[in-house]
Amino acid sequence: MHSKKRRRSQRPPPGSPPGTIIVDPSQAPPSIRLFGFGPEGFEERAVSSVPEVRHWLDKWPVTWVDVDGLGDANVISEIGSLIGMHRLSLEDVVHVHQRPKIEDFGSYLFLVCRMPHGLDCLETEQVSMCLGKNFVITFQEQKRPGDVFEGVRDRIRRPDSRIRRMPADYLAYTLVDSVIDSYFPILEHYGEMVDELEAETLERPKPDTVNRIHRVKRELIAARRATWPLREMINGVLRDTSPLISSDTRVYLRDCYDHTVQIIDLVETYRDLTSGLTDLYLSVVSNRLNEVMKVLTIISTIFIPLTFIVGVYGMNFDTKHPWNMPELRHPYGYVFVLLVMFLIAGVMVWAFWRRGWIGRGRTRTPGKSAPGKPEN
């Protein structure tokens, strides 16, 4: 199993003034994609300069500015200046170690959430979102190509979709809902992995099994760190009385809150199961070792009297004393001693079997009737 290298986030040096914007040099340069829509139409365009964005903010009832990549501090600052973003919000955008949260700056709401990527190895990236009266701006970290918003884009492209007739806060809800729902298939995959690890631990545990258990447990802890604050963020939106979120949209946000609770329940359940798998692995390995030791002990016990007989007759004393060893010169002495040894071994095996130490099979669970017999 390969170990995942931990990525260090780019932070300002200690003592820096608040609002310091330092971008990660490994980040891709920003690519800006605009979606303008309303009941009467829709337009989509990729732009290369920030001034084009200003024209779109006043052209359509709802504008979605999707910024993918945070590798240019100037572009991020110029976009923030279009809507009057606070320097602290811009700092949180480029410093991608933030936990999910919501902050009200009056003219806009600033939200941060963690978008999951991948099934084999859970990884999350930061998505920052600014919700205004008629716009939504998203900043994506772009750890990997692609995102979970393609379904939202397809809904915007359809002329009969509800999102075309709704305000900007509904667009923000659909984006947050897409992030939340993207956790469900990942957790289903981890549920299948936990079941496979449990079956493997019970049937054929290997040294690599415990490593895989720890890997799943570590990634579930990462999922927990991303989803617990997400529930707090949605709850904060519901408690907030900001005029930027209508009462109709709050009804949908309550559904988002229910989904986050379900996700947290799944994460906690799988974490408990993986924690128990470690103890189960150690118990199964210990039981198998005990079975091996029991077989070896039985074999050794059977050979103890046989070894004693062979040792005594192996001394080969041959004297004319009346206490001379019997059967040394008997024509069938060798066969007689072998028969005695086989008889002793057979009696010991029979005695072990009667006591249930060997060959008695599995013990039936108390309270369960034998196959074919009804319980009373």
Protein backbone atom coordinates (compact mmCIF):
# COMPACT_ATOMS: atom_id res chain seq x y z
CA MET A 1 0.00 0.00 0.00
CA HIS A 2 1.37 3.35 -0.98
CA SER A 3 1.28 6.17 1.51
CA LYS A 4 -0.30 9.43 0.51
CA LYS A 5 2.00 12.40 0.86
CA ARG A 6 0.43 15.12 2.94
CA ARG A 7 0.12 18.40 1.14
CA ARG A 8 1.09 21.49 3.09
CA SER A 9 -1.14 24.49 2.67
CA GLN A 10 0.40 27.85 1.88
CA ARG A 11 0.04 30.07 4.94
CA PRO A 12 1.21 33.64 5.57
CA PRO A 13 4.25 33.93 7.85
CA PRO A 14 3.58 34.62 11.54
CA GLY A 15 3.03 38.31 12.23
CA SER A 16 1.62 39.08 8.76
CA PRO A 17 -1.19 41.67 8.67
CA PRO A 18 -4.76 40.36 8.36
CA GLY A 19 -5.89 39.88 4.78
CA THR A 20 -2.47 38.87 3.43
CA ILE A 21 -2.94 36.97 0.17
CA ILE A 22 -0.24 34.39 -0.58
CA VAL A 23 -1.03 31.88 -3.30
CA ASP A 24 0.35 28.38 -3.58
CA PRO A 25 2.85 28.28 -6.48
CA SER A 26 1.72 24.73 -7.29
CA GLN A 27 -1.82 25.94 -7.97
CA ALA A 28 -3.03 26.22 -11.56
CA PRO A 29 -3.73 29.71 -12.94
CA PRO A 30 -7.38 30.73 -12.63
CA SER A 31 -9.78 29.91 -15.46
CA ILE A 32 -13.05 31.88 -15.36
CA ARG A 33 -16.33 30.51 -16.64
CA LEU A 34 -19.49 32.62 -16.67
CA PHE A 35 -23.11 31.52 -16.59
CA GLY A 36 -25.81 34.14 -17.00
CA PHE A 37 -29.43 33.05 -16.96
CA GLY A 38 -32.99 33.98 -16.23
CA PRO A 39 -36.50 32.93 -17.24
CA GLU A 40 -36.02 34.41 -20.69
CA GLY A 41 -32.67 32.91 -21.62
CA PHE A 42 -29.24 31.59 -20.82
CA GLU A 43 -25.64 32.32 -21.81
CA GLU A 44 -22.40 30.53 -21.04
CA ARG A 45 -18.89 31.75 -21.79
CA ALA A 46 -15.27 31.27 -20.76
CA VAL A 47 -13.50 34.62 -20.29
CA SER A 48 -9.82 35.45 -20.06
CA SER A 49 -9.97 38.83 -18.31
CA VAL A 50 -11.72 40.11 -15.19
CA PRO A 51 -13.25 43.26 -16.80
CA GLU A 52 -15.57 41.03 -18.83
CA VAL A 53 -17.05 39.75 -15.60
CA ARG A 54 -18.27 43.23 -14.59
CA HIS A 55 -20.48 43.46 -17.68
CA TRP A 56 -22.13 40.11 -16.92
CA LEU A 57 -22.99 41.03 -13.32
CA ASP A 58 -25.51 43.61 -14.59
CA LYS A 59 -26.62 41.77 -17.75
CA TRP A 60 -28.54 38.80 -16.35
CA PRO A 61 -30.91 38.28 -13.39
CA VAL A 62 -28.51 35.66 -12.00
CA THR A 63 -24.81 35.35 -12.79
CA TRP A 64 -22.55 32.51 -11.75
CA VAL A 65 -18.82 33.26 -11.89
CA ASP A 66 -16.94 29.96 -11.62
CA VAL A 67 -13.21 30.47 -10.91
CA ASP A 68 -11.23 27.23 -11.21
CA GLY A 69 -7.66 27.50 -9.90
CA LEU A 70 -6.09 29.86 -7.36
CA GLY A 71 -2.62 30.36 -8.79
CA ASP A 72 -2.81 34.13 -9.46
CA ALA A 73 -3.31 36.51 -6.55
CA ASN A 74 -3.96 39.49 -8.85
CA VAL A 75 -6.88 37.78 -10.60
CA ILE A 76 -8.40 36.75 -7.27
CA SER A 77 -8.05 40.30 -5.91
CA GLU A 78 -9.57 41.85 -9.05
CA ILE A 79 -12.59 39.55 -8.89
CA GLY A 80 -13.01 40.35 -5.21
CA SER A 81 -12.92 44.07 -5.92
CA LEU A 82 -15.85 43.74 -8.34
CA ILE A 83 -18.22 42.90 -5.48
CA GLY A 84 -16.33 44.56 -2.64
CA MET A 85 -15.05 41.40 -1.00
CA HIS A 86 -13.33 41.91 2.31
CA ARG A 87 -9.59 41.19 2.44
CA LEU A 88 -10.22 38.52 5.06
CA SER A 89 -12.55 36.71 2.65
CA LEU A 90 -9.89 36.83 -0.08
CA GLU A 91 -7.34 35.50 2.39
CA ASP A 92 -9.63 32.57 3.19
CA VAL A 93 -10.11 31.89 -0.52
CA VAL A 94 -6.41 31.35 -1.25
CA HIS A 95 -5.49 29.74 2.08
CA VAL A 96 -7.14 26.41 1.41
CA HIS A 97 -6.89 24.95 4.91
CA GLN A 98 -10.24 26.41 6.00
CA ARG A 99 -12.96 24.36 7.65
CA PRO A 100 -16.55 24.69 6.35
CA LYS A 101 -18.10 27.91 7.62
CA ILE A 102 -20.36 30.84 6.75
CA GLU A 103 -19.73 34.56 7.35
CA ASP A 104 -22.12 37.44 6.76
CA PHE A 105 -20.48 40.59 5.35
CA GLY A 106 -23.72 42.47 4.72
CA SER A 107 -23.59 42.82 0.94
CA TYR A 108 -22.64 39.19 0.48
CA LEU A 109 -22.45 35.86 2.30
CA PHE A 110 -19.15 34.02 2.31
CA LEU A 111 -19.32 30.21 2.50
CA VAL A 112 -16.57 27.60 2.60
CA CYS A 113 -17.09 23.86 2.12
CA ARG A 114 -14.96 20.81 1.32
CA MET A 115 -15.65 19.04 -1.98
CA PRO A 116 -14.65 15.34 -2.05
CA HIS A 117 -12.68 13.70 -4.85
CA GLY A 118 -11.96 10.08 -5.70
CA LEU A 119 -13.15 6.74 -4.35
CA ASP A 120 -9.95 4.75 -3.78
CA CYS A 121 -8.36 7.52 -1.74
CA LEU A 122 -10.60 10.19 -0.26
CA GLU A 123 -9.31 13.70 -0.88
CA THR A 124 -11.14 16.98 -0.45
CA GLU A 125 -10.57 20.40 -1.94
CA GLN A 126 -11.81 23.75 -0.74
CA VAL A 127 -14.69 25.50 -2.49
CA SER A 128 -15.26 29.11 -1.47
CA MET A 129 -18.53 30.77 -2.41
CA CYS A 130 -19.76 34.36 -2.38
CA LEU A 131 -23.52 34.89 -2.54
CA GLY A 132 -24.81 38.32 -3.48
CA LYS A 133 -28.16 39.71 -4.50
CA ASN A 134 -27.94 38.57 -8.12
CA PHE A 135 -24.68 36.64 -8.34
CA VAL A 136 -22.76 33.65 -7.03
CA ILE A 137 -18.96 33.45 -7.27
CA THR A 138 -17.22 30.13 -6.63
CA PHE A 139 -13.48 29.66 -6.15
CA GLN A 140 -12.24 26.09 -6.60
CA GLU A 141 -8.89 24.83 -5.41
CA GLN A 142 -8.53 22.44 -8.39
CA LYS A 143 -6.54 19.61 -6.84
CA ARG A 144 -7.88 17.36 -9.58
CA PRO A 145 -9.60 18.03 -12.90
CA GLY A 146 -13.37 18.19 -12.72
CA ASP A 147 -15.86 18.95 -9.97
CA VAL A 148 -19.33 17.96 -8.75
CA PHE A 149 -21.13 20.93 -10.36
CA GLU A 150 -21.65 19.50 -13.84
CA GLY A 151 -25.20 18.49 -12.93
CA VAL A 152 -25.96 22.09 -11.94
CA ARG A 153 -24.56 23.33 -15.24
CA ASP A 154 -26.78 20.91 -17.15
CA ARG A 155 -29.82 22.15 -15.24
CA ILE A 156 -28.95 25.74 -16.13
CA ARG A 157 -28.71 24.79 -19.80
CA ARG A 158 -32.24 23.31 -19.82
CA PRO A 159 -34.88 25.98 -20.52
CA ASP A 160 -37.57 24.21 -18.47
CA SER A 161 -35.51 23.78 -15.29
CA ARG A 162 -36.57 25.37 -12.00
CA ILE A 163 -33.18 26.98 -11.47
CA ARG A 164 -33.78 29.33 -14.43
CA ARG A 165 -36.75 30.90 -12.61
CA MET A 166 -35.19 31.15 -9.17
CA PRO A 167 -32.93 33.85 -7.64
CA ALA A 168 -29.24 33.60 -6.84
CA ASP A 169 -29.73 32.08 -3.39
CA TYR A 170 -31.33 29.01 -5.01
CA LEU A 171 -28.26 28.63 -7.22
CA ALA A 172 -26.08 28.76 -4.10
CA TYR A 173 -28.29 26.10 -2.52
CA THR A 174 -27.94 23.78 -5.54
CA LEU A 175 -24.14 24.14 -5.46
CA VAL A 176 -23.95 23.35 -1.74
CA ASP A 177 -26.40 20.48 -2.20
CA SER A 178 -24.20 19.04 -4.96
CA VAL A 179 -21.19 19.09 -2.63
CA ILE A 180 -23.16 17.38 0.14
CA ASP A 181 -24.68 14.71 -2.12
CA SER A 182 -21.25 13.87 -3.57
CA TYR A 183 -20.33 12.31 -0.20
CA PHE A 184 -23.01 9.60 -0.46
CA PRO A 185 -21.46 7.47 -3.26
CA ILE A 186 -18.06 7.78 -1.59
CA LEU A 187 -19.43 6.60 1.74
CA GLU A 188 -21.25 3.74 0.00
CA HIS A 189 -17.89 2.70 -1.43
CA TYR A 190 -16.32 2.84 2.02
CA GLY A 191 -19.20 0.80 3.40
CA GLU A 192 -18.43 -1.91 0.85
CA MET A 193 -14.74 -1.73 1.78
CA VAL A 194 -15.58 -2.16 5.47
CA ASP A 195 -17.73 -5.22 4.65
CA GLU A 196 -14.92 -6.72 2.54
CA LEU A 197 -12.37 -6.07 5.28
CA GLU A 198 -14.64 -7.68 7.86
CA ALA A 199 -15.08 -10.80 5.71
CA GLU A 200 -11.35 -10.93 4.99
CA THR A 201 -10.52 -10.52 8.67
CA LEU A 202 -12.80 -13.39 9.66
CA GLU A 203 -11.85 -15.78 6.86
CA ARG A 204 -8.28 -15.11 5.73
CA PRO A 205 -6.53 -12.31 7.63
CA LYS A 206 -3.21 -11.21 6.14
CA PRO A 207 -0.55 -8.81 7.40
CA ASP A 208 -1.73 -6.29 4.79
CA THR A 209 -5.28 -6.42 6.18
CA VAL A 210 -4.50 -4.34 9.23
CA ASN A 211 -2.75 -1.74 7.04
CA ARG A 212 -5.85 -1.42 4.87
CA ILE A 213 -8.03 -1.10 7.98
CA HIS A 214 -5.90 1.79 9.25
CA ARG A 215 -6.00 3.45 5.83
CA VAL A 216 -9.82 3.34 5.73
CA LYS A 217 -10.00 4.58 9.31
CA ARG A 218 -7.68 7.49 8.55
CA GLU A 219 -9.72 8.54 5.51
CA LEU A 220 -12.98 8.30 7.45
CA ILE A 221 -11.45 10.66 10.01
CA ALA A 222 -10.75 13.08 7.15
CA ALA A 223 -14.37 12.73 6.02
CA ARG A 224 -15.49 13.47 9.57
CA ARG A 225 -13.40 16.65 9.69
CA ALA A 226 -15.05 17.80 6.46
CA THR A 227 -18.67 16.91 7.28
CA TRP A 228 -19.11 17.91 10.91
CA PRO A 229 -18.39 21.62 10.27
CA LEU A 230 -20.55 21.36 7.13
CA ARG A 231 -23.56 20.62 9.32
CA GLU A 232 -22.72 23.62 11.49
CA MET A 233 -22.46 25.78 8.36
CA ILE A 234 -25.91 24.75 7.08
CA ASN A 235 -27.36 25.26 10.54
CA GLY A 236 -25.81 28.73 10.61
CA VAL A 237 -27.47 29.59 7.30
CA LEU A 238 -30.83 28.46 8.67
CA ARG A 239 -30.43 30.53 11.85
CA ASP A 240 -29.24 33.60 9.97
CA THR A 241 -31.79 36.27 9.04
CA SER A 242 -29.86 37.58 6.06
CA PRO A 243 -32.10 39.09 3.36
CA LEU A 244 -29.90 37.40 0.75
CA ILE A 245 -31.60 34.06 1.49
CA SER A 246 -35.35 33.88 0.94
CA SER A 247 -37.78 31.83 2.99
CA ASP A 248 -38.43 29.54 0.02
CA THR A 249 -34.74 28.65 -0.22
CA ARG A 250 -34.53 27.98 3.52
CA VAL A 251 -36.97 25.11 3.02
CA TYR A 252 -34.50 23.47 0.62
CA LEU A 253 -31.61 24.20 2.97
CA ARG A 254 -33.38 22.23 5.69
CA ASP A 255 -33.19 19.23 3.34
CA CYS A 256 -29.45 19.88 3.01
CA TYR A 257 -29.18 19.84 6.78
CA ASP A 258 -30.93 16.46 6.92
CA HIS A 259 -28.47 15.10 4.34
CA THR A 260 -25.49 16.28 6.37
CA VAL A 261 -26.90 14.52 9.44
CA GLN A 262 -27.24 11.30 7.42
CA ILE A 263 -23.67 11.63 6.17
CA ILE A 264 -22.33 12.17 9.68
CA ASP A 265 -24.25 9.12 10.92
CA LEU A 266 -22.71 7.01 8.15
CA VAL A 267 -19.21 8.32 8.85
CA GLU A 268 -19.53 7.62 12.58
CA THR A 269 -20.93 4.14 11.93
CA TYR A 270 -18.10 3.21 9.58
CA ARG A 271 -15.52 4.65 11.97
CA ASP A 272 -16.86 2.51 14.79
CA LEU A 273 -16.81 -0.56 12.54
CA THR A 274 -13.22 0.03 11.43
CA SER A 275 -12.15 0.59 15.03
CA GLY A 276 -13.69 -2.75 15.91
CA LEU A 277 -12.02 -4.43 12.93
CA THR A 278 -8.58 -3.87 14.46
CA ASP A 279 -9.61 -5.68 17.63
CA LEU A 280 -11.31 -8.36 15.52
CA TYR A 281 -8.13 -8.87 13.49
CA LEU A 282 -6.02 -9.31 16.61
CA SER A 283 -8.60 -11.68 18.09
CA VAL A 284 -8.81 -13.83 14.94
CA VAL A 285 -5.02 -14.02 14.61
CA SER A 286 -4.73 -14.91 18.31
CA ASN A 287 -7.41 -17.61 17.99
CA ARG A 288 -5.71 -19.11 14.96
CA LEU A 289 -2.40 -19.13 16.82
CA ASN A 290 -4.12 -20.85 19.73
CA GLU A 291 -5.50 -23.50 17.37
CA VAL A 292 -2.04 -24.15 15.98
CA MET A 293 -0.56 -24.32 19.46
CA LYS A 294 -3.33 -26.72 20.54
CA VAL A 295 -2.56 -29.10 17.65
CA LEU A 296 1.16 -28.95 18.36
CA THR A 297 0.54 -29.52 22.07
CA ILE A 298 -1.66 -32.57 21.36
CA ILE A 299 0.96 -34.02 19.03
CA SER A 300 3.68 -33.41 21.62
CA THR A 301 1.55 -34.95 24.38
CA ILE A 302 0.92 -38.08 22.31
CA PHE A 303 4.61 -38.53 21.64
CA ILE A 304 5.70 -38.06 25.27
CA PRO A 305 4.93 -41.67 26.40
CA LEU A 306 6.09 -43.02 23.04
CA THR A 307 9.36 -41.20 23.42
CA PHE A 308 9.71 -42.60 26.94
CA ILE A 309 9.25 -46.20 25.74
CA VAL A 310 11.62 -45.74 22.81
CA GLY A 311 14.16 -44.11 25.12
CA VAL A 312 14.02 -46.93 27.64
CA TYR A 313 14.39 -49.65 25.05
CA GLY A 314 16.97 -47.65 23.23
CA MET A 315 19.44 -48.02 26.11
CA ASN A 316 20.27 -51.58 24.89
CA PHE A 317 21.44 -52.94 28.27
CA ASP A 318 22.36 -56.60 27.88
CA THR A 319 23.57 -58.30 31.10
CA LYS A 320 23.10 -61.65 32.83
CA HIS A 321 21.44 -59.97 35.79
CA PRO A 322 17.94 -61.29 36.66
CA TRP A 323 16.60 -57.70 36.34
CA ASN A 324 17.58 -57.62 32.71
CA MET A 325 15.20 -55.66 30.44
CA PRO A 326 12.38 -57.93 29.23
CA GLU A 327 11.71 -58.75 25.60
CA LEU A 328 15.21 -57.82 24.46
CA ARG A 329 15.81 -61.28 23.07
CA HIS A 330 12.18 -62.18 22.34
CA PRO A 331 11.64 -62.92 18.62
CA TYR A 332 8.54 -60.68 18.55
CA GLY A 333 9.71 -58.06 21.03
CA TYR A 334 10.04 -55.31 18.39
CA VAL A 335 6.52 -55.90 17.08
CA PHE A 336 5.14 -56.09 20.62
CA VAL A 337 6.65 -52.72 21.58
CA LEU A 338 5.30 -51.10 18.39
CA LEU A 339 1.81 -52.43 19.13
CA VAL A 340 2.00 -51.09 22.67
CA MET A 341 3.05 -47.68 21.34
CA PHE A 342 0.21 -47.60 18.80
CA LEU A 343 -2.23 -48.68 21.50
CA ILE A 344 -1.11 -45.91 23.85
CA ALA A 345 -1.35 -43.31 21.05
CA GLY A 346 -4.85 -44.55 20.10
CA VAL A 347 -6.08 -44.45 23.68
CA MET A 348 -4.79 -40.88 24.11
CA VAL A 349 -6.40 -39.70 20.86
CA TRP A 350 -9.69 -41.31 21.94
CA ALA A 351 -9.47 -39.65 25.36
CA PHE A 352 -8.79 -36.25 23.76
CA TRP A 353 -11.76 -36.75 21.43
CA ARG A 354 -14.07 -37.64 24.31
CA ARG A 355 -13.09 -34.46 26.11
CA GLY A 356 -13.82 -32.39 23.01
CA TRP A 357 -10.27 -31.23 22.52
CA ILE A 358 -10.07 -32.55 18.95
CA GLY A 359 -12.48 -33.51 16.20
CA ARG A 360 -15.73 -32.43 17.89
CA GLY A 361 -16.55 -29.64 15.41
CA ARG A 362 -18.10 -26.30 16.29
CA THR A 363 -20.15 -25.86 19.37
CA ARG A 364 -23.75 -24.89 18.70
CA THR A 365 -24.80 -21.46 19.86
CA PRO A 366 -27.05 -21.69 22.92
CA GLY A 367 -30.68 -21.03 22.06
CA LYS A 368 -30.41 -22.27 18.47
CA SER A 369 -31.91 -25.59 17.51
CA ALA A 370 -30.10 -28.14 15.39
CA PRO A 371 -30.77 -28.08 11.63
CA GLY A 372 -34.11 -29.67 10.83
CA LYS A 373 -35.37 -29.51 14.41
CA PRO A 374 -37.84 -26.81 15.42
CA GLU A 375 -37.24 -24.83 18.57
CA ASN A 376 -39.56 -25.46 21.49
